[in-house]
């Protein structure tokens, strides 16, 4: 179709036919220049991604070094307070003993515990999730609930796996339920473990349960805390229903209730 007008016009003026190879040459030059610019763009983009990965890797290496240093400091602080406690016990001042063991020592242990949790939370590659876990761990500590946090993820391949609001709502419900249950158990504990690899990640929450809960079991929509309660797990199921890459498994092992939310990176979100 492009060649046809030149063929017709060349019958009137042979010079017109010479325009066709000239225009083809210009067109090929335009394609070459466009391809050259795209190659340059992708080269800069690849270089930027490489610099970003190297910066991220350097950041987490420095962070791990800082966390190790903080861990050593915490051990030193613990030893210092225990040593101070020994000197206090040797004193004949009972008022000082009561004040140290009743006020100073518990406060120091809470501060050290909060520092340990913050060190673990800093390993999360997502700032919104960091803020969420800071809030939830603080709530647990304020209610005198023992909570531990273990994180082992790959920052370079980290993904949220689902809408961040839905994820925090689900984790919030699971952790709130765990806190409510542990407050009823003497020396109860909550353990949150976050693990991730190139294929996905999992959020596992383990908490102590009461003998009544062990006897009755845990069911969505049913609660032992009174009428109008027990809707949390039903809400979790509703939030998870649109996500085919998410799975929530729950089980009772003795006096420990385990909930594990697994997210896969390979399956697309619906």
C-alpha atoms as a PDB file:
ATOM      1  CA  UNK A   1       0.000   0.000   0.000  1.00  0.00           C
ATOM      2  CA  UNK A   2       2.859   2.419   0.754  1.00  0.00           C
ATOM      3  CA  UNK A   3       4.700   1.446  -2.440  1.00  0.00           C
ATOM      4  CA  UNK A   4       1.609   1.834  -4.705  1.00  0.00           C
ATOM      5  CA  UNK A   5       1.410   5.706  -4.762  1.00  0.00           C
ATOM      6  CA  UNK A   6       5.096   5.917  -5.719  1.00  0.00           C
ATOM      7  CA  UNK A   7       4.545   3.432  -8.540  1.00  0.00           C
ATOM      8  CA  UNK A   8       1.675   5.515  -9.924  1.00  0.00           C
ATOM      9  CA  UNK A   9       3.487   8.877  -9.626  1.00  0.00           C
ATOM     10  CA  UNK A  10       6.712   7.490 -11.104  1.00  0.00           C
ATOM     11  CA  UNK A  11       4.950   7.127 -14.459  1.00  0.00           C
ATOM     12  CA  UNK A  12       4.634  10.947 -14.583  1.00  0.00           C
ATOM     13  CA  UNK A  13       7.996  11.806 -13.030  1.00  0.00           C
ATOM     14  CA  UNK A  14      10.715   9.142 -12.592  1.00  0.00           C
ATOM     15  CA  UNK A  15      12.357  11.203  -9.819  1.00  0.00           C
ATOM     16  CA  UNK A  16       9.341  10.541  -7.577  1.00  0.00           C
ATOM     17  CA  UNK A  17      10.234   6.866  -7.476  1.00  0.00           C
ATOM     18  CA  UNK A  18      13.573   7.775  -5.867  1.00  0.00           C
ATOM     19  CA  UNK A  19      11.722   9.190  -2.840  1.00  0.00           C
ATOM     20  CA  UNK A  20      10.616   5.706  -1.761  1.00  0.00           C
ATOM     21  CA  UNK A  21      14.054   4.356  -0.726  1.00  0.00           C
ATOM     22  CA  UNK A  22      14.857   7.723   0.868  1.00  0.00           C
ATOM     23  CA  UNK A  23      11.730   7.583   3.031  1.00  0.00           C
ATOM     24  CA  UNK A  24      12.419   3.954   3.888  1.00  0.00           C
ATOM     25  CA  UNK A  25      15.914   4.926   4.970  1.00  0.00           C
ATOM     26  CA  UNK A  26      14.548   7.720   7.197  1.00  0.00           C
ATOM     27  CA  UNK A  27      11.987   5.348   8.682  1.00  0.00           C
ATOM     28  CA  UNK A  28      14.659   2.769   9.481  1.00  0.00           C
ATOM     29  CA  UNK A  29      16.832   5.469  11.023  1.00  0.00           C
ATOM     30  CA  UNK A  30      13.902   6.564  13.211  1.00  0.00           C
ATOM     31  CA  UNK A  31      13.387   2.978  14.389  1.00  0.00           C
ATOM     32  CA  UNK A  32      17.098   2.636  15.106  1.00  0.00           C
ATOM     33  CA  UNK A  33      17.230   5.858  17.135  1.00  0.00           C
ATOM     34  CA  UNK A  34      14.078   4.859  19.047  1.00  0.00           C
ATOM     35  CA  UNK A  35      15.568   1.437  19.797  1.00  0.00           C
ATOM     36  CA  UNK A  36      18.808   3.096  20.913  1.00  0.00           C
ATOM     37  CA  UNK A  37      16.961   5.318  23.389  1.00  0.00           C
ATOM     38  CA  UNK A  38      14.973   2.360  24.759  1.00  0.00           C
ATOM     39  CA  UNK A  39      18.184   0.368  25.278  1.00  0.00           C
ATOM     40  CA  UNK A  40      19.738   3.316  27.094  1.00  0.00           C
ATOM     41  CA  UNK A  41      16.622   3.653  29.267  1.00  0.00           C
ATOM     42  CA  UNK A  42      16.600  -0.032  30.213  1.00  0.00           C
ATOM     43  CA  UNK A  43      20.316   0.118  30.950  1.00  0.00           C
ATOM     44  CA  UNK A  44      19.797   3.023  33.354  1.00  0.00           C
ATOM     45  CA  UNK A  45      16.778   1.254  34.862  1.00  0.00           C
ATOM     46  CA  UNK A  46      18.781  -1.942  35.408  1.00  0.00           C
ATOM     47  CA  UNK A  47      21.643   0.054  36.952  1.00  0.00           C
ATOM     48  CA  UNK A  48      19.204   1.822  39.276  1.00  0.00           C
ATOM     49  CA  UNK A  49      17.651  -1.497  40.366  1.00  0.00           C
ATOM     50  CA  UNK A  50      21.103  -2.932  41.020  1.00  0.00           C
ATOM     51  CA  UNK A  51      22.082   0.110  43.097  1.00  0.00           C
ATOM     52  CA  UNK A  52      18.795  -0.161  45.019  1.00  0.00           C
ATOM     53  CA  UNK A  53      19.401  -3.843  45.786  1.00  0.00           C
ATOM     54  CA  UNK A  54      22.975  -3.145  46.888  1.00  0.00           C
ATOM     55  CA  UNK A  55      21.809  -0.258  49.093  1.00  0.00           C
ATOM     56  CA  UNK A  56      19.087  -2.442  50.617  1.00  0.00           C
ATOM     57  CA  UNK A  57      21.555  -5.249  51.255  1.00  0.00           C
ATOM     58  CA  UNK A  58      24.037  -2.818  52.837  1.00  0.00           C
ATOM     59  CA  UNK A  59      21.256  -1.323  54.987  1.00  0.00           C
ATOM     60  CA  UNK A  60      20.212  -4.685  56.403  1.00  0.00           C
ATOM     61  CA  UNK A  61      23.817  -5.708  56.985  1.00  0.00           C
ATOM     62  CA  UNK A  62      24.359  -2.544  59.012  1.00  0.00           C
ATOM     63  CA  UNK A  63      21.038  -3.112  60.760  1.00  0.00           C
ATOM     64  CA  UNK A  64      22.000  -6.656  61.734  1.00  0.00           C
ATOM     65  CA  UNK A  65      25.303  -5.368  63.089  1.00  0.00           C
ATOM     66  CA  UNK A  66      23.501  -2.719  65.127  1.00  0.00           C
ATOM     67  CA  UNK A  67      20.981  -5.255  66.442  1.00  0.00           C
ATOM     68  CA  UNK A  68      23.786  -7.595  67.510  1.00  0.00           C
ATOM     69  CA  UNK A  69      25.483  -4.725  69.338  1.00  0.00           C
ATOM     70  CA  UNK A  70      22.197  -3.817  71.048  1.00  0.00           C
ATOM     71  CA  UNK A  71      21.721  -7.445  72.061  1.00  0.00           C
ATOM     72  CA  UNK A  72      25.138  -7.481  73.733  1.00  0.00           C
ATOM     73  CA  UNK A  73      24.308  -4.222  75.516  1.00  0.00           C
ATOM     74  CA  UNK A  74      21.024  -5.675  76.783  1.00  0.00           C
ATOM     75  CA  UNK A  75      22.877  -8.646  78.259  1.00  0.00           C
ATOM     76  CA  UNK A  76      25.291  -6.271  79.971  1.00  0.00           C
ATOM     77  CA  UNK A  77      22.412  -4.199  81.351  1.00  0.00           C
ATOM     78  CA  UNK A  78      20.716  -7.321  82.701  1.00  0.00           C
ATOM     79  CA  UNK A  79      23.915  -8.362  84.442  1.00  0.00           C
ATOM     80  CA  UNK A  80      24.336  -4.857  85.882  1.00  0.00           C
ATOM     81  CA  UNK A  81      20.839  -4.871  87.378  1.00  0.00           C
ATOM     82  CA  UNK A  82      21.302  -8.344  88.835  1.00  0.00           C
ATOM     83  CA  UNK A  83      24.605  -7.204  90.370  1.00  0.00           C
ATOM     84  CA  UNK A  84      22.899  -4.115  91.786  1.00  0.00           C
ATOM     85  CA  UNK A  85      20.220  -6.395  93.204  1.00  0.00           C
ATOM     86  CA  UNK A  86      22.830  -8.415  95.054  1.00  0.00           C
ATOM     87  CA  UNK A  87      24.265  -5.268  96.627  1.00  0.00           C
ATOM     88  CA  UNK A  88      20.760  -4.122  97.551  1.00  0.00           C
ATOM     89  CA  UNK A  89      20.019  -7.462  99.206  1.00  0.00           C
ATOM     90  CA  UNK A  90      23.158  -7.127 101.296  1.00  0.00           C
ATOM     91  CA  UNK A  91      21.893  -3.802 102.591  1.00  0.00           C
ATOM     92  CA  UNK A  92      19.931  -3.571 105.832  1.00  0.00           C
ATOM     93  CA  UNK A  93      17.631  -0.913 104.386  1.00  0.00           C
ATOM     94  CA  UNK A  94      14.352  -2.781 103.785  1.00  0.00           C
ATOM     95  CA  UNK A  95      12.697   0.260 102.233  1.00  0.00           C
ATOM     96  CA  UNK A  96      15.420   0.441  99.590  1.00  0.00           C
ATOM     97  CA  UNK A  97      15.050  -3.294  98.890  1.00  0.00           C
ATOM     98  CA  UNK A  98      11.301  -2.972  98.408  1.00  0.00           C
ATOM     99  CA  UNK A  99      11.720   0.016  96.115  1.00  0.00           C
ATOM    100  CA  UNK A 100      14.414  -1.633  93.987  1.00  0.00           C
ATOM    101  CA  UNK A 101      12.667  -4.994  93.502  1.00  0.00           C
ATOM    102  CA  UNK A 102       9.179  -3.499  93.353  1.00  0.00           C
ATOM    103  CA  UNK A 103       9.789  -0.503  91.075  1.00  0.00           C
ATOM    104  CA  UNK A 104      13.251  -0.228  89.515  1.00  0.00           C
ATOM    105  CA  UNK A 105      13.885  -3.868  88.567  1.00  0.00           C
ATOM    106  CA  UNK A 106      10.447  -4.533  86.953  1.00  0.00           C
ATOM    107  CA  UNK A 107      10.698  -1.255  85.026  1.00  0.00           C
ATOM    108  CA  UNK A 108      14.145  -2.155  83.735  1.00  0.00           C
ATOM    109  CA  UNK A 109      12.952  -5.593  82.631  1.00  0.00           C
ATOM    110  CA  UNK A 110       9.975  -4.096  80.764  1.00  0.00           C
ATOM    111  CA  UNK A 111      12.277  -1.614  79.013  1.00  0.00           C
ATOM    112  CA  UNK A 112      14.715  -4.355  78.026  1.00  0.00           C
ATOM    113  CA  UNK A 113      11.841  -6.507  76.784  1.00  0.00           C
ATOM    114  CA  UNK A 114      10.458  -3.651  74.694  1.00  0.00           C
ATOM    115  CA  UNK A 115      13.927  -3.032  73.249  1.00  0.00           C
ATOM    116  CA  UNK A 116      14.160  -6.697  72.222  1.00  0.00           C
ATOM    117  CA  UNK A 117      10.784  -6.501  70.470  1.00  0.00           C
ATOM    118  CA  UNK A 118      11.727  -3.297  68.635  1.00  0.00           C
ATOM    119  CA  UNK A 119      14.954  -4.919  67.454  1.00  0.00           C
ATOM    120  CA  UNK A 120      12.969  -7.792  65.964  1.00  0.00           C
ATOM    121  CA  UNK A 121      10.349  -5.508  64.400  1.00  0.00           C
ATOM    122  CA  UNK A 122      13.046  -3.450  62.630  1.00  0.00           C
ATOM    123  CA  UNK A 123      13.878  -6.524  60.528  1.00  0.00           C
ATOM    124  CA  UNK A 124      10.530  -6.254  58.713  1.00  0.00           C
ATOM    125  CA  UNK A 125      10.977  -4.637  55.260  1.00  0.00           C
ATOM    126  CA  UNK A 126       7.543  -2.927  55.441  1.00  0.00           C
ATOM    127  CA  UNK A 127       7.243   0.271  57.496  1.00  0.00           C
ATOM    128  CA  UNK A 128       3.417  -0.001  57.875  1.00  0.00           C
ATOM    129  CA  UNK A 129       3.834  -3.533  59.262  1.00  0.00           C
ATOM    130  CA  UNK A 130       6.564  -2.282  61.587  1.00  0.00           C
ATOM    131  CA  UNK A 131       4.177   0.363  62.955  1.00  0.00           C
ATOM    132  CA  UNK A 132       1.427  -2.253  63.325  1.00  0.00           C
ATOM    133  CA  UNK A 133       3.584  -4.666  65.339  1.00  0.00           C
ATOM    134  CA  UNK A 134       4.945  -1.835  67.504  1.00  0.00           C
ATOM    135  CA  UNK A 135       1.342  -0.976  68.406  1.00  0.00           C
ATOM    136  CA  UNK A 136       0.295  -4.570  69.108  1.00  0.00           C
ATOM    137  CA  UNK A 137       3.366  -5.490  71.147  1.00  0.00           C
ATOM    138  CA  UNK A 138       2.974  -2.281  73.165  1.00  0.00           C
ATOM    139  CA  UNK A 139      -0.659  -3.174  73.897  1.00  0.00           C
ATOM    140  CA  UNK A 140       0.402  -6.627  75.071  1.00  0.00           C
ATOM    141  CA  UNK A 141       3.142  -5.227  77.331  1.00  0.00           C
ATOM    142  CA  UNK A 142       0.797  -2.638  78.823  1.00  0.00           C
ATOM    143  CA  UNK A 143      -1.559  -5.461  79.842  1.00  0.00           C
ATOM    144  CA  UNK A 144       1.368  -7.377  81.405  1.00  0.00           C
ATOM    145  CA  UNK A 145       1.136 -10.036  78.716  1.00  0.00           C
ATOM    146  CA  UNK A 146       4.383 -11.795  77.782  1.00  0.00           C
ATOM    147  CA  UNK A 147       4.872 -11.671  74.008  1.00  0.00           C
ATOM    148  CA  UNK A 148       7.850 -12.667  71.874  1.00  0.00           C
ATOM    149  CA  UNK A 149       8.527 -11.915  68.212  1.00  0.00           C
ATOM    150  CA  UNK A 150      10.783 -13.859  65.841  1.00  0.00           C
ATOM    151  CA  UNK A 151      11.359 -12.652  62.268  1.00  0.00           C
ATOM    152  CA  UNK A 152      13.293 -14.411  59.516  1.00  0.00           C
ATOM    153  CA  UNK A 153      12.596 -12.961  56.054  1.00  0.00           C
ATOM    154  CA  UNK A 154      14.403 -12.068  52.825  1.00  0.00           C
ATOM    155  CA  UNK A 155      14.164  -8.272  52.352  1.00  0.00           C
ATOM    156  CA  UNK A 156      15.119  -8.471  48.654  1.00  0.00           C
ATOM    157  CA  UNK A 157      12.132 -10.655  47.733  1.00  0.00           C
ATOM    158  CA  UNK A 158       9.627  -9.406  50.312  1.00  0.00           C
ATOM    159  CA  UNK A 159       6.033  -8.805  49.235  1.00  0.00           C
ATOM    160  CA  UNK A 160       2.900  -8.034  51.214  1.00  0.00           C
ATOM    161  CA  UNK A 161       0.958 -10.760  49.379  1.00  0.00           C
ATOM    162  CA  UNK A 162      -2.411  -9.085  49.948  1.00  0.00           C
ATOM    163  CA  UNK A 163      -3.925  -5.679  50.597  1.00  0.00           C
ATOM    164  CA  UNK A 164      -2.092  -4.132  53.545  1.00  0.00           C
ATOM    165  CA  UNK A 165      -5.306  -3.014  55.273  1.00  0.00           C
ATOM    166  CA  UNK A 166      -6.773  -6.531  55.047  1.00  0.00           C
ATOM    167  CA  UNK A 167      -3.517  -8.055  56.298  1.00  0.00           C
ATOM    168  CA  UNK A 168      -3.318  -5.802  59.366  1.00  0.00           C
ATOM    169  CA  UNK A 169      -7.014  -6.346  60.133  1.00  0.00           C
ATOM    170  CA  UNK A 170      -6.541 -10.123  60.022  1.00  0.00           C
ATOM    171  CA  UNK A 171      -3.367 -10.105  62.114  1.00  0.00           C
ATOM    172  CA  UNK A 172      -4.953  -7.609  64.513  1.00  0.00           C
ATOM    173  CA  UNK A 173      -7.905  -9.913  65.160  1.00  0.00           C
ATOM    174  CA  UNK A 174      -5.682 -12.965  65.658  1.00  0.00           C
ATOM    175  CA  UNK A 175      -3.333 -11.154  68.060  1.00  0.00           C
ATOM    176  CA  UNK A 176      -6.193  -9.498  69.992  1.00  0.00           C
ATOM    177  CA  UNK A 177      -7.829 -12.908  70.478  1.00  0.00           C
ATOM    178  CA  UNK A 178      -4.510 -14.305  71.667  1.00  0.00           C
ATOM    179  CA  UNK A 179      -4.044 -11.455  74.185  1.00  0.00           C
ATOM    180  CA  UNK A 180      -7.572 -11.891  75.588  1.00  0.00           C
ATOM    181  CA  UNK A 181      -6.986 -15.608  76.071  1.00  0.00           C
ATOM    182  CA  UNK A 182      -3.503 -15.316  77.581  1.00  0.00           C
ATOM    183  CA  UNK A 183      -4.693 -12.812  80.202  1.00  0.00           C
ATOM    184  CA  UNK A 184      -6.835 -15.624  81.618  1.00  0.00           C
ATOM    185  CA  UNK A 185      -3.904 -18.045  81.846  1.00  0.00           C
ATOM    186  CA  UNK A 186      -1.330 -17.773  84.657  1.00  0.00           C
ATOM    187  CA  UNK A 187       2.137 -17.344  83.111  1.00  0.00           C
ATOM    188  CA  UNK A 188       0.574 -17.430  79.643  1.00  0.00           C
ATOM    189  CA  UNK A 189       2.679 -16.558  76.610  1.00  0.00           C
ATOM    190  CA  UNK A 190       2.209 -15.331  73.043  1.00  0.00           C
ATOM    191  CA  UNK A 191       4.758 -16.156  70.379  1.00  0.00           C
ATOM    192  CA  UNK A 192       4.608 -14.488  66.955  1.00  0.00           C
ATOM    193  CA  UNK A 193       6.846 -15.882  64.238  1.00  0.00           C
ATOM    194  CA  UNK A 194       7.209 -14.372  60.747  1.00  0.00           C
ATOM    195  CA  UNK A 195       9.159 -16.327  58.128  1.00  0.00           C
ATOM    196  CA  UNK A 196       9.578 -15.692  54.428  1.00  0.00           C
ATOM    197  CA  UNK A 197      11.401 -16.925  51.328  1.00  0.00           C
ATOM    198  CA  UNK A 198      11.291 -16.392  47.559  1.00  0.00           C
ATOM    199  CA  UNK A 199       7.915 -18.162  47.262  1.00  0.00           C
ATOM    200  CA  UNK A 200       5.925 -16.598  50.111  1.00  0.00           C
ATOM    201  CA  UNK A 201       5.723 -15.939  53.830  1.00  0.00           C
ATOM    202  CA  UNK A 202       3.843 -17.110  56.901  1.00  0.00           C
ATOM    203  CA  UNK A 203       2.621 -15.446  60.094  1.00  0.00           C
ATOM    204  CA  UNK A 204       2.356 -17.927  62.962  1.00  0.00           C
ATOM    205  CA  UNK A 205       0.774 -16.983  66.297  1.00  0.00           C
ATOM    206  CA  UNK A 206       1.024 -19.367  69.258  1.00  0.00           C
ATOM    207  CA  UNK A 207      -0.682 -18.621  72.568  1.00  0.00           C
ATOM    208  CA  UNK A 208      -1.601 -20.367  75.794  1.00  0.00           C
ATOM    209  CA  UNK A 209      -5.258 -21.256  76.355  1.00  0.00           C
ATOM    210  CA  UNK A 210      -7.416 -21.973  79.384  1.00  0.00           C
ATOM    211  CA  UNK A 211      -8.626 -25.486  80.322  1.00  0.00           C
ATOM    212  CA  UNK A 212     -12.153 -24.374  79.403  1.00  0.00           C
ATOM    213  CA  UNK A 213     -11.022 -23.464  75.898  1.00  0.00           C
ATOM    214  CA  UNK A 214      -9.243 -26.797  75.562  1.00  0.00           C
ATOM    215  CA  UNK A 215     -12.446 -28.592  76.544  1.00  0.00           C
ATOM    216  CA  UNK A 216     -14.827 -26.598  74.335  1.00  0.00           C
ATOM    217  CA  UNK A 217     -12.502 -25.979  71.393  1.00  0.00           C
ATOM    218  CA  UNK A 218     -12.303 -22.840  69.254  1.00  0.00           C
ATOM    219  CA  UNK A 219     -14.948 -22.228  66.595  1.00  0.00           C
ATOM    220  CA  UNK A 220     -15.749 -19.234  64.404  1.00  0.00           C
ATOM    221  CA  UNK A 221     -18.754 -17.299  65.715  1.00  0.00           C
ATOM    222  CA  UNK A 222     -18.651 -18.969  69.135  1.00  0.00           C
ATOM    223  CA  UNK A 223     -17.078 -17.387  72.221  1.00  0.00           C
ATOM    224  CA  UNK A 224     -16.839 -18.169  75.917  1.00  0.00           C
ATOM    225  CA  UNK A 225     -16.535 -14.450  76.733  1.00  0.00           C
ATOM    226  CA  UNK A 226     -20.212 -13.615  76.520  1.00  0.00           C
ATOM    227  CA  UNK A 227     -22.991 -12.798  74.074  1.00  0.00           C
ATOM    228  CA  UNK A 228     -22.064 -10.755  71.019  1.00  0.00           C
ATOM    229  CA  UNK A 229     -18.445 -11.981  71.009  1.00  0.00           C
ATOM    230  CA  UNK A 230     -16.643 -14.527  68.846  1.00  0.00           C
ATOM    231  CA  UNK A 231     -17.138 -12.682  65.557  1.00  0.00           C
ATOM    232  CA  UNK A 232     -13.429 -12.136  64.975  1.00  0.00           C
ATOM    233  CA  UNK A 233     -12.700 -15.456  63.246  1.00  0.00           C
ATOM    234  CA  UNK A 234     -15.787 -15.061  61.053  1.00  0.00           C
ATOM    235  CA  UNK A 235     -14.506 -11.643  59.992  1.00  0.00           C
ATOM    236  CA  UNK A 236     -11.109 -13.169  59.236  1.00  0.00           C
ATOM    237  CA  UNK A 237     -12.737 -15.738  56.951  1.00  0.00           C
ATOM    238  CA  UNK A 238     -14.605 -12.999  55.108  1.00  0.00           C
ATOM    239  CA  UNK A 239     -11.423 -10.979  54.631  1.00  0.00           C
ATOM    240  CA  UNK A 240      -9.539 -14.024  53.330  1.00  0.00           C
ATOM    241  CA  UNK A 241     -12.243 -15.181  50.898  1.00  0.00           C
ATOM    242  CA  UNK A 242     -11.105 -13.008  47.908  1.00  0.00           C
ATOM    243  CA  UNK A 243      -7.478 -14.181  48.190  1.00  0.00           C
ATOM    244  CA  UNK A 244      -6.678 -17.511  46.549  1.00  0.00           C
ATOM    245  CA  UNK A 245      -3.017 -17.213  47.570  1.00  0.00           C
ATOM    246  CA  UNK A 246      -3.813 -17.081  51.310  1.00  0.00           C
ATOM    247  CA  UNK A 247      -4.422 -19.977  53.704  1.00  0.00           C
ATOM    248  CA  UNK A 248      -5.210 -19.875  57.428  1.00  0.00           C
ATOM    249  CA  UNK A 249      -4.647 -23.052  59.440  1.00  0.00           C
ATOM    250  CA  UNK A 250      -5.560 -23.374  63.134  1.00  0.00           C
ATOM    251  CA  UNK A 251      -5.030 -26.191  65.616  1.00  0.00           C
ATOM    252  CA  UNK A 252      -4.836 -26.947  69.331  1.00  0.00           C
ATOM    253  CA  UNK A 253      -1.710 -28.715  70.562  1.00  0.00           C
ATOM    254  CA  UNK A 254      -2.133 -29.426  74.261  1.00  0.00           C
ATOM    255  CA  UNK A 255      -2.563 -26.065  75.967  1.00  0.00           C
ATOM    256  CA  UNK A 256      -1.240 -24.069  72.974  1.00  0.00           C
ATOM    257  CA  UNK A 257      -3.436 -22.663  70.195  1.00  0.00           C
ATOM    258  CA  UNK A 258      -1.602 -22.223  66.873  1.00  0.00           C
ATOM    259  CA  UNK A 259      -2.789 -20.024  63.998  1.00  0.00           C
ATOM    260  CA  UNK A 260      -0.733 -19.859  60.811  1.00  0.00           C
ATOM    261  CA  UNK A 261      -1.478 -17.475  57.927  1.00  0.00           C
ATOM    262  CA  UNK A 262       0.427 -18.474  54.774  1.00  0.00           C
ATOM    263  CA  UNK A 263       0.716 -16.185  51.739  1.00  0.00           C
ATOM    264  CA  UNK A 264       2.125 -17.283  48.398  1.00  0.00           C
ATOM    265  CA  UNK A 265       3.818 -14.958  45.908  1.00  0.00           C
ATOM    266  CA  UNK A 266       3.243 -17.264  42.934  1.00  0.00           C
ATOM    267  CA  UNK A 267      -0.558 -17.225  42.802  1.00  0.00           C
ATOM    268  CA  UNK A 268      -2.079 -13.894  41.680  1.00  0.00           C
ATOM    269  CA  UNK A 269      -4.558 -12.034  43.816  1.00  0.00           C
ATOM    270  CA  UNK A 270      -8.157 -12.364  42.663  1.00  0.00           C
END
